[in-house]
Protein backbone atom coordinates (compact mmCIF):
# COMPACT_ATOMS: atom_id res chain seq x y z
CA MET A 1 22.52 -135.21 -90.00
CA ARG A 2 18.82 -134.46 -90.74
CA ALA A 3 18.41 -134.77 -86.91
CA LEU A 4 21.29 -133.06 -85.76
CA GLY A 5 20.27 -129.93 -87.45
CA TRP A 6 16.67 -130.13 -85.81
CA LEU A 7 18.26 -130.24 -82.61
CA THR A 8 20.46 -127.36 -83.90
CA ILE A 9 17.41 -124.60 -84.90
CA VAL A 10 15.39 -126.03 -81.43
CA ALA A 11 18.70 -125.19 -79.63
CA GLY A 12 18.36 -122.02 -80.85
CA PHE A 13 14.79 -121.16 -80.74
CA LEU A 14 15.30 -121.62 -77.33
CA VAL A 15 18.02 -119.14 -76.61
CA LEU A 16 16.13 -116.62 -78.28
CA LEU A 17 13.03 -116.64 -76.04
CA PRO A 18 13.96 -115.15 -73.20
CA ALA A 19 15.58 -112.42 -75.01
CA THR A 20 12.29 -112.02 -76.86
CA GLY A 21 9.61 -112.62 -73.65
CA GLN A 22 6.88 -110.25 -73.39
CA ASP A 23 7.68 -109.22 -69.96
CA LYS A 24 11.59 -108.19 -70.21
CA GLN A 25 11.32 -104.34 -70.33
CA PRO A 26 13.06 -102.25 -73.11
CA LYS A 27 16.48 -101.42 -72.54
CA ASP A 28 15.40 -97.75 -72.31
CA ALA A 29 12.83 -98.47 -69.32
CA LYS A 30 13.51 -96.00 -65.97
CA PRO A 31 13.02 -96.13 -62.73
CA VAL A 32 10.19 -94.27 -60.89
CA LEU A 33 11.73 -93.69 -57.01
CA ILE A 34 8.60 -92.86 -54.73
CA VAL A 35 8.74 -92.72 -50.85
CA SER A 36 6.96 -95.99 -49.92
CA ASP A 37 6.44 -95.07 -46.07
CA LEU A 38 7.06 -92.67 -43.69
CA LYS A 39 7.39 -92.57 -40.06
CA VAL A 40 8.58 -91.96 -36.58
CA ASP A 41 10.65 -93.88 -34.90
CA GLY A 42 12.34 -92.91 -31.41
CA ASP A 43 14.75 -90.35 -32.46
CA ASN A 44 14.89 -90.66 -36.02
CA LEU A 45 12.80 -90.14 -39.19
CA VAL A 46 12.36 -93.34 -41.03
CA ILE A 47 12.02 -92.77 -44.77
CA GLU A 48 11.41 -96.02 -46.89
CA LEU A 49 11.96 -95.38 -50.73
CA GLN A 50 11.11 -97.84 -53.39
CA ASN A 51 11.77 -97.81 -57.44
CA GLN A 52 8.29 -98.43 -58.69
CA GLY A 53 10.19 -99.29 -61.88
CA PRO A 54 9.37 -100.27 -65.11
CA GLY A 55 13.73 -99.80 -65.26
CA ALA A 56 16.48 -100.27 -62.80
CA ALA A 57 18.22 -97.93 -61.39
CA LYS A 58 22.50 -97.87 -61.20
CA LYS A 59 24.14 -99.12 -58.40
CA GLY A 60 25.05 -96.62 -55.71
CA THR A 61 22.76 -93.65 -57.45
CA MET A 62 22.19 -91.21 -54.58
CA VAL A 63 19.73 -88.10 -55.15
CA GLU A 64 18.90 -85.38 -52.63
CA ALA A 65 15.60 -85.21 -50.52
CA THR A 66 14.33 -82.43 -48.94
CA VAL A 67 12.28 -82.98 -45.55
CA SER A 68 9.96 -80.58 -44.42
CA THR A 69 7.50 -80.32 -41.05
CA THR A 70 5.97 -77.61 -38.64
CA LEU A 71 7.87 -77.62 -35.68
CA ARG A 72 6.22 -76.89 -31.90
CA MET A 73 7.84 -74.53 -30.51
CA LYS A 74 7.29 -74.39 -26.38
CA ALA A 75 5.88 -71.69 -24.84
CA LYS A 76 8.08 -69.64 -22.30
CA ASP A 77 5.54 -68.76 -19.76
CA LYS A 78 2.23 -69.21 -18.89
CA LYS A 79 1.35 -65.75 -20.78
CA ASP A 80 3.38 -67.10 -23.65
CA LYS A 81 1.75 -68.45 -26.67
CA ALA A 82 3.26 -71.60 -27.82
CA LYS A 83 4.31 -71.15 -31.49
CA THR A 84 4.84 -73.53 -34.30
CA LYS A 85 7.65 -72.85 -37.25
CA ARG A 86 8.45 -74.23 -40.51
CA VAL A 87 11.41 -76.13 -41.09
CA SER A 88 13.17 -77.87 -44.09
CA ILE A 89 16.41 -80.01 -44.35
CA THR A 90 18.23 -81.54 -47.35
CA VAL A 91 19.36 -85.06 -47.06
CA GLU A 92 20.77 -87.71 -49.24
CA VAL A 93 18.63 -90.62 -50.26
CA PRO A 94 20.03 -94.08 -52.32
CA VAL A 95 17.87 -94.75 -55.44
CA PRO A 96 16.74 -98.27 -54.97
CA ALA A 97 18.59 -100.02 -57.89
CA GLY A 98 15.88 -103.35 -58.94
CA VAL A 99 12.55 -102.68 -59.78
CA PHE A 100 10.41 -103.20 -56.74
CA ALA A 101 13.50 -103.05 -54.70
CA THR A 102 13.32 -101.11 -51.54
CA GLU A 103 15.80 -98.97 -49.09
CA THR A 104 15.49 -97.36 -45.96
CA VAL A 105 17.15 -94.45 -44.66
CA LYS A 106 17.06 -92.38 -40.85
CA VAL A 107 17.13 -88.74 -40.18
CA PRO A 108 17.48 -88.20 -36.84
CA ILE A 109 14.71 -85.38 -35.99
CA ALA A 110 17.37 -83.52 -34.08
CA LYS A 111 18.53 -82.19 -37.39
CA LEU A 112 14.91 -81.16 -37.97
CA GLY A 113 15.44 -79.13 -34.60
CA ALA A 114 12.99 -81.48 -32.93
CA LYS A 115 13.82 -83.31 -29.23
CA ASN A 116 11.65 -85.72 -29.36
CA LYS A 117 8.22 -86.46 -31.79
CA GLU A 118 5.99 -84.74 -30.11
CA ASP A 119 8.13 -81.25 -31.30
CA LEU A 120 7.10 -82.41 -34.73
CA GLY A 121 3.99 -81.24 -36.59
CA SER A 122 1.15 -83.96 -37.66
CA GLN A 123 2.34 -83.31 -41.06
CA VAL A 124 6.25 -84.26 -42.50
CA ARG A 125 6.31 -83.72 -46.44
CA VAL A 126 9.45 -85.28 -48.22
CA THR A 127 10.41 -84.30 -52.17
CA LEU A 128 12.72 -86.82 -53.76
CA ASP A 129 15.04 -85.36 -55.89
CA PRO A 130 14.06 -81.56 -56.06
CA LYS A 131 17.13 -80.97 -58.89
CA LYS A 132 16.03 -83.82 -61.16
CA THR A 133 19.09 -85.34 -61.53
CA LEU A 134 17.26 -88.85 -62.10
CA THR A 135 15.71 -89.50 -65.06
CA GLU A 136 12.40 -91.12 -64.23
CA GLU A 137 9.38 -92.49 -66.31
CA ARG A 138 7.16 -90.89 -64.30
CA VAL A 139 8.29 -87.74 -61.97
CA ASN A 140 4.69 -86.74 -60.45
CA ASN A 141 4.94 -88.90 -57.32
CA ASN A 142 8.35 -87.48 -56.19
CA THR A 143 6.40 -85.63 -53.30
CA TYR A 144 5.28 -87.78 -50.24
CA ILE A 145 3.04 -85.93 -47.46
CA LYS A 146 2.22 -87.79 -44.33
CA GLY A 147 -0.86 -86.66 -42.77
CA ALA A 148 -2.59 -87.22 -39.49
CA SER A 149 -4.32 -90.66 -39.52
CA SER A 150 -7.75 -91.04 -38.50
CA GLY A 151 -9.49 -94.10 -37.93
CA LYS A 152 -8.13 -98.10 -39.02
CA PRO A 153 -5.85 -97.61 -42.08
CA PRO A 154 -7.58 -99.73 -45.07
CA PRO A 155 -5.90 -102.73 -45.77
CA ARG A 156 -2.35 -102.30 -47.98
CA GLY A 157 -0.34 -104.94 -50.36
CA ASP A 158 2.81 -106.48 -49.90
CA TYR A 159 4.75 -104.31 -52.59
CA LYS A 160 7.99 -105.40 -51.04
CA THR A 161 8.14 -109.04 -51.80
CA GLY A 162 6.00 -109.40 -54.99
CA THR A 163 6.47 -108.87 -59.03
CA GLU A 164 3.29 -108.34 -59.92
CA LEU A 165 1.50 -105.29 -60.26
CA PRO A 166 -1.51 -104.07 -59.47
CA ASP A 167 -5.20 -102.74 -61.24
CA LEU A 168 -7.19 -100.35 -59.11
CA VAL A 169 -10.84 -100.21 -60.49
CA ILE A 170 -13.79 -98.27 -59.10
CA THR A 171 -16.48 -100.56 -58.13
CA ASP A 172 -19.65 -98.64 -56.88
CA ILE A 173 -20.63 -94.89 -55.51
CA THR A 174 -22.87 -94.83 -52.59
CA GLN A 175 -24.86 -92.34 -50.51
CA GLU A 176 -24.53 -92.37 -46.54
CA THR A 177 -26.33 -89.89 -45.13
CA ASN A 178 -24.90 -86.65 -46.58
CA ASN A 179 -21.87 -88.20 -48.02
CA LEU A 180 -20.76 -90.09 -50.86
CA VAL A 181 -18.70 -93.47 -50.37
CA ILE A 182 -16.17 -94.78 -53.16
CA HIS A 183 -16.03 -98.45 -53.46
CA TYR A 184 -12.41 -99.77 -55.04
CA LEU A 185 -10.84 -102.95 -55.60
CA ASN A 186 -7.18 -104.09 -56.88
CA LYS A 187 -7.78 -106.46 -59.19
CA GLY A 188 -4.10 -106.73 -60.27
CA LYS A 189 -1.81 -109.54 -59.01
CA GLY A 190 0.38 -107.35 -56.76
CA SER A 191 1.04 -104.30 -55.67
CA THR A 192 3.38 -101.36 -55.63
CA GLY A 193 4.24 -98.88 -52.49
CA ALA A 194 2.82 -95.77 -54.27
CA ASP A 195 -0.27 -93.72 -52.72
CA PHE A 196 -2.95 -92.24 -54.67
CA LEU A 197 -6.33 -89.86 -54.80
CA ILE A 198 -9.82 -90.48 -56.13
CA LEU A 199 -11.42 -87.66 -58.00
CA VAL A 200 -15.47 -87.00 -57.55
CA ARG A 201 -17.09 -85.11 -60.34
CA SER A 202 -20.52 -84.21 -60.73
CA GLY A 203 -21.18 -81.90 -63.99
CA GLU A 204 -18.34 -78.98 -64.07
CA VAL A 205 -17.98 -79.42 -60.08
CA LYS A 206 -15.02 -81.82 -58.90
CA HIS A 207 -13.08 -82.54 -55.61
CA ASN A 208 -9.62 -83.69 -56.27
CA GLY A 209 -9.09 -85.16 -52.98
CA ASN A 210 -6.86 -84.13 -49.87
CA GLU A 211 -3.31 -84.88 -50.25
CA TYR A 212 -2.93 -85.20 -46.38
CA TYR A 213 -4.91 -88.25 -46.70
CA ARG A 214 -3.66 -90.14 -49.51
CA PHE A 215 -4.48 -93.62 -50.06
CA ARG A 216 -2.73 -96.94 -50.48
CA VAL A 217 -2.74 -99.65 -52.91
CA PRO A 218 -4.55 -102.86 -51.32
CA ALA A 219 -3.42 -106.29 -51.73
CA PRO A 220 -4.58 -107.99 -54.46
CA ASN A 221 -8.49 -109.08 -54.82
CA THR A 222 -9.19 -107.17 -51.48
CA ALA A 223 -12.00 -104.71 -51.86
CA THR A 224 -12.28 -101.75 -49.56
CA LYS A 225 -13.63 -97.76 -49.52
CA THR A 226 -13.11 -94.39 -49.11
CA GLY A 227 -14.53 -92.58 -46.05
CA GLY A 228 -17.28 -90.08 -46.83
CA LEU A 229 -17.18 -86.97 -49.07
CA ASN A 230 -20.06 -84.44 -48.12
CA LEU A 231 -22.22 -83.77 -51.20
CA ASN A 232 -21.46 -80.08 -51.25
CA LEU A 233 -18.17 -80.49 -51.99
CA ILE A 234 -19.24 -81.57 -55.50
CA GLY A 235 -22.26 -79.46 -55.84
CA LEU A 236 -25.01 -81.77 -54.85
CA VAL A 237 -28.07 -82.30 -52.13
CA ARG A 238 -30.16 -84.33 -51.20
CA GLY A 239 -33.62 -85.08 -53.36
CA ALA A 240 -31.53 -84.34 -56.41
CA ASP A 241 -30.66 -86.79 -59.52
CA ALA A 242 -27.12 -86.61 -60.93
CA GLU A 243 -24.51 -88.40 -62.35
CA VAL A 244 -21.76 -89.01 -60.39
CA GLU A 245 -18.05 -89.77 -61.82
CA ALA A 246 -14.98 -90.93 -59.95
CA THR A 247 -11.43 -91.46 -60.55
CA ILE A 248 -9.20 -93.35 -58.63
CA ASP A 249 -5.14 -92.36 -58.99
CA TRP A 250 -6.12 -89.50 -61.25
CA GLU A 251 -2.81 -87.95 -61.02
CA ASP A 252 -1.21 -91.03 -62.52
CA ARG A 253 1.36 -91.94 -59.61
CA VAL A 254 0.48 -95.79 -59.27
CA ARG A 255 2.04 -98.06 -61.99
CA GLU A 256 -0.63 -100.63 -63.11
CA THR A 257 -1.22 -102.95 -65.64
CA ASP A 258 -4.28 -101.17 -67.14
CA GLU A 259 -4.05 -97.43 -66.83
CA LYS A 260 -7.43 -97.24 -68.60
CA ASN A 261 -10.25 -97.97 -66.51
CA ASN A 262 -9.57 -96.03 -63.65
CA THR A 263 -12.84 -94.26 -64.07
CA PHE A 264 -16.71 -95.02 -62.95
CA LYS A 265 -19.75 -93.38 -63.74
CA LYS A 266 -23.25 -93.83 -61.69
CA LYS A 267 -26.34 -92.17 -61.74
CA ILE A 268 -27.89 -91.76 -58.44
CA ARG A 269 -30.82 -90.14 -56.99
CA PHE A 270 -29.67 -88.54 -53.40
CA ARG A 271 -32.28 -89.51 -50.53
């Protein structure tokens, strides 16, 4: 009887374990809907969406998305200059139900008035859920801008198949001629499809970054760096000594394991 009693207690404890696990999200955890990728494929604008979590969404939930860009108008004749006009459409998109799940939507570029991808401007903006019908954990990352890219993009983490979160940290600030370079690392175990900016400050002068050239979360344990930020943008000159502060993901768009280690400071003597 004693042995049976102990087995009953142990069995009850084991049943409770999954319900009290530390990795289980609260029942009221909300989803976070983001655009994880955007590209033109043939006659379609392909929008990839991800639920960054921490909560799941109800299966079958749809929200509106506003897609806008500049449309290039062809010149009528040699004397007429080519013109552009701003175009915008609203489409319905699905909300990925599971945490880290993705959904893909194809929007014909003809709906934007484009005959081919060359008619589209260099920037395309997508704003998710403009009417705020979806209750989210954070709503400051619902706008995504696809800008003209230059050079080889930094390595990106696998945000589709993993279940772990990233942890973005700045590891160094260096000088390259008249520019500052920010070195950063994902020291977490995973990634998400979110993007981010890096704020750089010296004293009261700061530069928030360029929303048309956002960074993507690199793979775990992958170190990379930004392009050059001109010293003048934060009031610095060569030959001066100054403390520079950089904050990665200052808009809080990326869900991370640690949100409190995103700022790095360094005193630099500028050559």
